Protein backbone atom coordinates (compact mmCIF):
# COMPACT_ATOMS: atom_id res chain seq x y z
CA MET A 1 -92.16 83.76 -66.99
CA LYS A 2 -93.35 87.28 -67.52
CA PRO A 3 -90.37 88.97 -65.97
CA TYR A 4 -88.14 86.79 -68.25
CA PHE A 5 -89.95 87.88 -71.38
CA LEU A 6 -89.88 91.49 -70.21
CA VAL A 7 -86.13 91.39 -69.80
CA VAL A 8 -85.66 89.83 -73.22
CA SER A 9 -87.87 92.34 -74.88
CA LEU A 10 -86.02 95.14 -73.13
CA LEU A 11 -82.68 93.78 -74.28
CA ILE A 12 -83.98 93.33 -77.85
CA GLY A 13 -85.12 96.94 -77.83
CA ILE A 14 -81.91 98.21 -76.62
CA LEU A 15 -79.98 96.19 -79.24
CA LEU A 16 -82.24 97.43 -82.08
CA GLY A 17 -82.02 101.02 -80.89
CA ALA A 18 -78.24 100.88 -80.65
CA THR A 19 -78.05 99.23 -84.14
CA GLY A 20 -80.28 101.93 -85.51
CA CYS A 21 -78.10 104.63 -84.08
CA TYR A 22 -74.96 103.09 -85.30
CA ALA A 23 -76.45 102.61 -88.83
CA TYR A 24 -77.55 106.32 -88.67
CA PHE A 25 -74.10 107.33 -87.71
CA LEU A 26 -72.41 105.41 -90.50
CA LEU A 27 -74.91 106.74 -93.04
CA THR A 28 -74.41 110.24 -91.88
CA VAL A 29 -70.56 110.07 -91.89
CA LYS A 30 -70.49 108.24 -95.18
CA THR A 31 -72.91 110.71 -96.83
CA LYS A 32 -70.88 113.67 -95.53
CA SER A 33 -67.62 112.15 -96.75
CA TYR A 34 -69.29 111.25 -100.10
CA LEU A 35 -70.54 114.72 -100.56
CA ASN A 36 -67.15 116.30 -99.61
CA GLN A 37 -65.33 114.11 -102.13
CA THR A 38 -67.81 114.15 -104.98
CA LEU A 39 -68.08 117.91 -104.76
CA GLY A 40 -64.29 118.18 -104.41
CA ARG A 41 -63.58 118.97 -108.07
CA GLU A 42 -66.43 121.47 -108.22
CA ASN A 43 -65.22 123.20 -105.10
CA ALA A 44 -61.72 123.30 -106.49
CA TYR A 45 -62.89 124.79 -109.82
CA ASN A 46 -64.89 127.39 -107.89
CA TYR A 47 -61.86 128.21 -105.76
CA LEU A 48 -60.05 129.23 -108.84
CA VAL A 49 -63.00 131.13 -110.25
CA ASN A 50 -63.53 132.92 -106.98
CA SER A 51 -59.88 133.93 -106.94
CA TYR A 52 -60.08 135.55 -110.26
CA ASN A 53 -59.50 139.28 -110.39
CA SER A 54 -61.49 140.58 -113.34
CA THR A 55 -59.78 143.92 -113.21
CA LEU A 56 -56.37 142.45 -113.84
CA GLY A 57 -57.53 139.33 -115.65
CA LEU A 58 -55.42 137.13 -113.38
CA ILE A 59 -55.82 134.78 -110.40
CA TYR A 60 -54.06 135.43 -107.06
CA GLU A 61 -51.09 133.37 -105.93
CA TYR A 62 -52.64 132.90 -102.48
CA PRO A 63 -56.40 133.60 -103.00
CA GLU A 64 -57.14 133.46 -99.33
CA TYR A 65 -54.78 136.32 -98.73
CA PRO A 66 -55.89 138.79 -101.48
CA GLY A 67 -54.14 141.65 -99.65
CA SER A 68 -50.79 140.24 -100.74
CA ASN A 69 -51.69 141.16 -104.27
CA ARG A 70 -49.20 138.76 -105.90
CA TYR A 71 -49.89 137.36 -109.33
CA TRP A 72 -47.68 134.79 -111.08
CA VAL A 73 -47.90 134.67 -114.90
CA THR A 74 -46.20 131.28 -114.88
CA HIS A 75 -46.81 128.86 -113.45
CA ASP A 76 -50.01 129.86 -111.69
CA ASN A 77 -52.07 131.53 -114.45
CA VAL A 78 -50.80 129.37 -117.24
CA LEU A 79 -51.85 126.25 -115.28
CA ALA A 80 -55.09 127.86 -114.13
CA PHE A 81 -56.32 128.90 -117.56
CA TYR A 82 -55.58 125.37 -118.84
CA ALA A 83 -57.46 123.76 -115.90
CA LEU A 84 -60.42 126.09 -116.31
CA GLN A 85 -60.97 125.52 -120.03
CA ASN A 86 -63.73 123.09 -119.69
CA TRP A 87 -65.29 124.62 -116.50
CA ASN A 88 -65.43 128.39 -117.14
CA ARG A 89 -64.23 129.09 -120.68
CA THR A 90 -64.99 132.86 -120.31
CA ILE A 91 -62.52 133.24 -117.48
CA ALA A 92 -60.02 130.83 -119.02
CA ASP A 93 -60.06 132.85 -122.25
CA ASN A 94 -59.71 136.11 -120.33
CA ILE A 95 -56.65 134.78 -118.52
CA THR A 96 -55.20 133.64 -121.78
CA GLU A 97 -55.53 137.00 -123.45
CA THR A 98 -54.04 138.67 -120.31
CA ILE A 99 -50.95 136.46 -120.20
CA LYS A 100 -50.39 136.76 -123.91
CA ARG A 101 -50.49 140.49 -123.58
CA ILE A 102 -48.14 140.49 -120.58
CA ALA A 103 -45.77 138.14 -122.33
CA LYS A 104 -45.47 140.48 -125.29
CA GLU A 105 -45.13 143.54 -123.01
CA TYR A 106 -42.39 142.00 -120.90
CA ASN A 107 -40.71 139.99 -123.61
CA LEU A 108 -41.41 136.60 -122.08
CA THR A 109 -40.55 133.33 -123.87
CA THR A 110 -43.70 131.97 -125.57
CA ASN A 111 -44.92 129.27 -127.66
CA SER A 112 -46.14 129.82 -131.29
CA ALA A 113 -49.52 130.78 -129.90
CA GLY A 114 -48.10 133.54 -127.74
CA ILE A 115 -48.62 131.69 -124.38
CA PRO A 116 -45.73 132.35 -121.97
CA LEU A 117 -44.12 128.90 -121.11
CA ASP A 118 -41.09 127.62 -119.37
CA THR A 119 -39.70 124.16 -119.25
CA LYS A 120 -41.90 123.22 -116.22
CA ALA A 121 -45.44 124.19 -117.37
CA GLU A 122 -44.78 123.20 -120.93
CA VAL A 123 -44.68 119.53 -120.09
CA LEU A 124 -47.91 119.58 -118.14
CA LEU A 125 -49.70 121.33 -121.02
CA GLY A 126 -48.65 118.68 -123.53
CA TYR A 127 -45.42 119.94 -125.03
CA THR A 128 -42.04 118.29 -125.31
CA ILE A 129 -38.81 120.08 -124.41
CA ASP A 130 -35.10 119.48 -124.96
CA PHE A 131 -34.25 119.47 -121.31
CA LEU A 132 -35.53 120.64 -117.93
CA SER A 133 -34.06 123.88 -116.97
CA GLU A 134 -33.08 125.49 -113.67
CA PHE A 135 -35.40 128.40 -112.70
CA ALA A 136 -34.86 131.88 -111.48
CA SER A 137 -36.96 132.29 -108.40
CA ASN A 138 -39.08 135.43 -107.62
CA SER A 139 -38.68 137.02 -110.98
CA VAL A 140 -40.51 140.24 -110.50
CA LEU A 141 -41.80 141.73 -113.73
CA ASN A 142 -43.41 144.71 -112.10
CA SER A 143 -43.71 145.52 -108.35
CA SER A 144 -46.47 148.10 -108.93
CA TYR A 145 -48.66 146.47 -111.54
CA TYR A 146 -51.94 148.30 -111.10
CA GLY A 147 -51.21 148.25 -107.41
CA SER A 148 -50.11 144.60 -107.39
CA THR A 149 -46.91 142.64 -107.83
CA LEU A 150 -46.55 140.76 -111.16
CA LEU A 151 -44.16 137.86 -111.22
CA SER A 152 -43.10 135.05 -113.54
CA GLU A 153 -40.58 132.16 -113.44
CA LYS A 154 -38.02 132.20 -116.30
CA ALA A 155 -35.92 129.33 -117.44
CA THR A 156 -32.21 129.93 -117.19
CA GLY A 157 -31.23 127.61 -119.98
CA ILE A 158 -29.11 125.59 -117.55
CA PRO A 159 -30.09 121.92 -117.30
CA ALA A 160 -31.62 121.02 -114.04
CA ILE A 161 -30.25 118.25 -111.84
CA PHE A 162 -33.45 116.43 -111.19
CA THR A 163 -32.17 113.07 -109.77
CA GLY A 164 -33.60 112.84 -106.27
CA TYR A 165 -36.47 115.25 -106.79
CA ALA A 166 -39.93 113.70 -107.20
CA ASP A 167 -41.41 116.59 -109.10
CA LEU A 168 -38.67 116.93 -111.65
CA LEU A 169 -38.47 113.30 -112.20
CA CYS A 170 -42.24 113.24 -112.86
CA LEU A 171 -41.76 116.01 -115.51
CA ALA A 172 -38.79 114.20 -117.00
CA SER A 173 -40.67 110.96 -117.27
CA LEU A 174 -43.69 112.63 -118.89
CA ASN A 175 -41.39 114.42 -121.33
CA GLU A 176 -39.67 111.29 -122.38
CA TRP A 177 -43.00 109.58 -122.77
CA ARG A 178 -44.19 112.31 -125.08
CA LYS A 179 -40.95 111.85 -127.15
CA GLN A 180 -41.80 108.15 -127.27
CA ASN A 181 -38.74 107.25 -125.31
CA TYR A 182 -40.80 104.70 -123.25
CA SER A 183 -37.80 103.08 -121.59
CA GLY A 184 -36.44 106.35 -120.34
CA ALA A 185 -39.92 107.33 -119.14
CA ASP A 186 -40.24 104.06 -117.28
CA ALA A 187 -36.87 104.51 -115.61
CA TYR A 188 -37.74 107.94 -114.24
CA TYR A 189 -41.24 106.74 -113.24
CA GLU A 190 -39.73 103.92 -111.16
CA GLN A 191 -37.33 106.38 -109.44
CA VAL A 192 -40.22 108.50 -108.24
CA LYS A 193 -42.28 105.45 -107.23
CA ALA A 194 -39.50 104.32 -105.04
CA MET A 195 -39.68 107.60 -103.10
CA TRP A 196 -43.11 106.81 -101.72
CA ASP A 197 -42.57 106.01 -98.05
CA GLY A 198 -46.27 105.17 -97.20
CA LYS A 199 -47.19 108.80 -96.49
CA GLY A 200 -45.89 110.80 -99.33
CA PHE A 201 -42.89 111.38 -101.62
CA ASN A 202 -39.82 111.59 -99.45
CA ASP A 203 -37.30 113.09 -101.84
CA SER A 204 -34.24 115.32 -101.50
CA ALA A 205 -36.44 118.33 -100.84
CA PHE A 206 -38.29 116.64 -97.93
CA ASN A 207 -38.00 118.69 -94.73
CA GLY A 208 -40.58 117.05 -92.45
CA SER A 209 -43.75 117.81 -94.38
CA TYR A 210 -44.88 116.41 -97.71
CA ALA A 211 -45.69 118.50 -100.78
CA THR A 212 -49.21 118.12 -101.98
CA TYR A 213 -48.58 119.02 -105.62
CA LYS A 214 -46.12 116.11 -106.02
CA LEU A 215 -49.11 113.70 -105.38
CA GLY A 216 -50.96 115.41 -108.32
CA LEU A 217 -47.86 115.20 -110.59
CA PHE A 218 -47.33 111.53 -109.85
CA TYR A 219 -51.03 110.72 -110.45
CA LEU A 220 -51.02 112.62 -113.70
CA LEU A 221 -47.81 110.90 -114.75
CA SER A 222 -49.26 107.45 -113.90
CA ARG A 223 -52.50 108.15 -115.80
CA ASN A 224 -50.65 109.26 -118.94
CA LEU A 225 -48.19 106.34 -118.84
CA ASN A 226 -51.17 104.01 -118.13
CA LYS A 227 -49.41 102.76 -114.99
CA ASP A 228 -50.93 101.22 -111.98
CA PHE A 229 -49.38 101.37 -108.52
CA ASP A 230 -50.14 99.65 -105.25
CA PHE A 231 -50.46 102.81 -103.17
CA LYS A 232 -53.00 104.55 -105.29
CA LYS A 233 -55.74 104.52 -102.66
CA GLU A 234 -53.34 105.99 -100.06
CA LEU A 235 -52.25 108.70 -102.42
CA ILE A 236 -55.86 109.70 -103.28
CA GLU A 237 -56.68 109.83 -99.53
CA LYS A 238 -53.72 112.16 -99.06
CA VAL A 239 -54.88 114.41 -101.83
CA TRP A 240 -58.39 115.00 -100.51
CA LEU A 241 -57.08 115.25 -97.02
CA CYS A 242 -55.41 118.48 -98.18
CA GLN A 243 -58.50 120.23 -99.57
CA ALA A 244 -59.52 123.16 -97.48
CA SER A 245 -63.08 124.40 -96.88
CA ASN A 246 -62.55 127.11 -99.49
CA GLY A 247 -62.04 124.45 -102.17
CA GLY A 248 -58.32 124.95 -102.61
CA PHE A 249 -55.65 122.43 -101.76
CA LYS A 250 -53.14 123.04 -98.94
CA THR A 251 -49.53 123.06 -100.11
CA GLU A 252 -48.23 120.58 -97.62
CA TYR A 253 -49.23 118.00 -94.96
CA TYR A 254 -47.62 115.92 -92.19
CA GLY A 255 -47.37 112.15 -92.39
CA ASN A 256 -49.85 111.76 -89.51
CA GLY A 257 -52.57 113.52 -91.62
CA THR A 258 -52.40 116.95 -89.98
CA ILE A 259 -51.73 120.18 -91.84
CA PRO A 260 -48.84 122.48 -90.83
CA SER A 261 -50.06 125.70 -89.31
CA GLY A 262 -48.30 127.69 -91.97
CA SER A 263 -49.64 125.76 -94.83
CA HIS A 264 -52.07 127.58 -97.23
CA THR A 265 -53.95 126.89 -100.38
CA ASN A 266 -52.69 128.24 -103.61
CA THR A 267 -53.49 128.37 -107.30
CA GLU A 268 -50.55 126.28 -108.57
CA THR A 269 -51.28 123.29 -106.29
CA THR A 270 -55.00 123.38 -106.90
CA SER A 271 -54.49 123.64 -110.76
CA ILE A 272 -52.22 120.64 -110.76
CA ILE A 273 -54.57 118.51 -108.75
CA LEU A 274 -57.36 119.47 -111.23
CA LEU A 275 -55.16 118.77 -114.33
CA ALA A 276 -54.29 115.36 -112.79
CA ASP A 277 -58.02 114.54 -112.44
CA VAL A 278 -57.58 112.71 -109.16
CA PRO A 279 -60.71 110.76 -108.39
CA SER A 280 -62.59 110.60 -105.15
CA LEU A 281 -62.23 107.47 -103.11
CA PHE A 282 -65.79 106.53 -104.00
CA GLU A 283 -64.92 106.72 -107.62
CA TYR A 284 -61.86 104.72 -107.13
CA ASP A 285 -63.54 101.99 -105.10
CA CYS A 286 -66.24 101.63 -107.90
């Protein structure tokens, strides 16, 4: 009988050891994932703060490539100052004063407070507009602005054709909602929602990789319209998948979860994710 009990004891010991190792593995992985996601917002805020150039009073376009020396007044710094208001008010106020001064110096369109706005950033900051406008790309204000390139997007005044584009439909829906045209807002919302293909928003601009900022725009829109959607968990997963080790969010991702080699983090995408207030999966599950 002794050999029998010896074998049983040995098997029980192996089982308990394996269970303990597995439990430790799960705890370690879950703890790491928990820390990554619960610290996600803090890391994203710090990404913007660390990308701030105190000499210029602005944030880089691509902070991980400071040598490029490109600074966008809109949308980057307008969105960044708004996102940072409750995190680092000093930097947020400094950016605000800088862009107000630049707007005056370069005769940019502003709101009554002197903040340079176009029809894209306005909607995200709580304003209503008459119509979404086409944009002039790469509008260079000064190519040698204290050794840097200063850029800004300007509305052309030509109405945008936004049918088929998830980002523009999100903005259109949010704008109609702010104007209390709830049926119009719902119609645009449903069009965007129908573009979700299980991996991201597959719209007319889709070229093989999905745009991260569109995840943030749709989440922000859904939160404002108080809408629920059945792919919320998947969308949240995709968002945090795109956060890099520097705290910023990669601009694009593939459907299989990998990040294109040329994708980088930037100020605009990170600011939109923060403004959308996307929760971690642990917050969502709770």
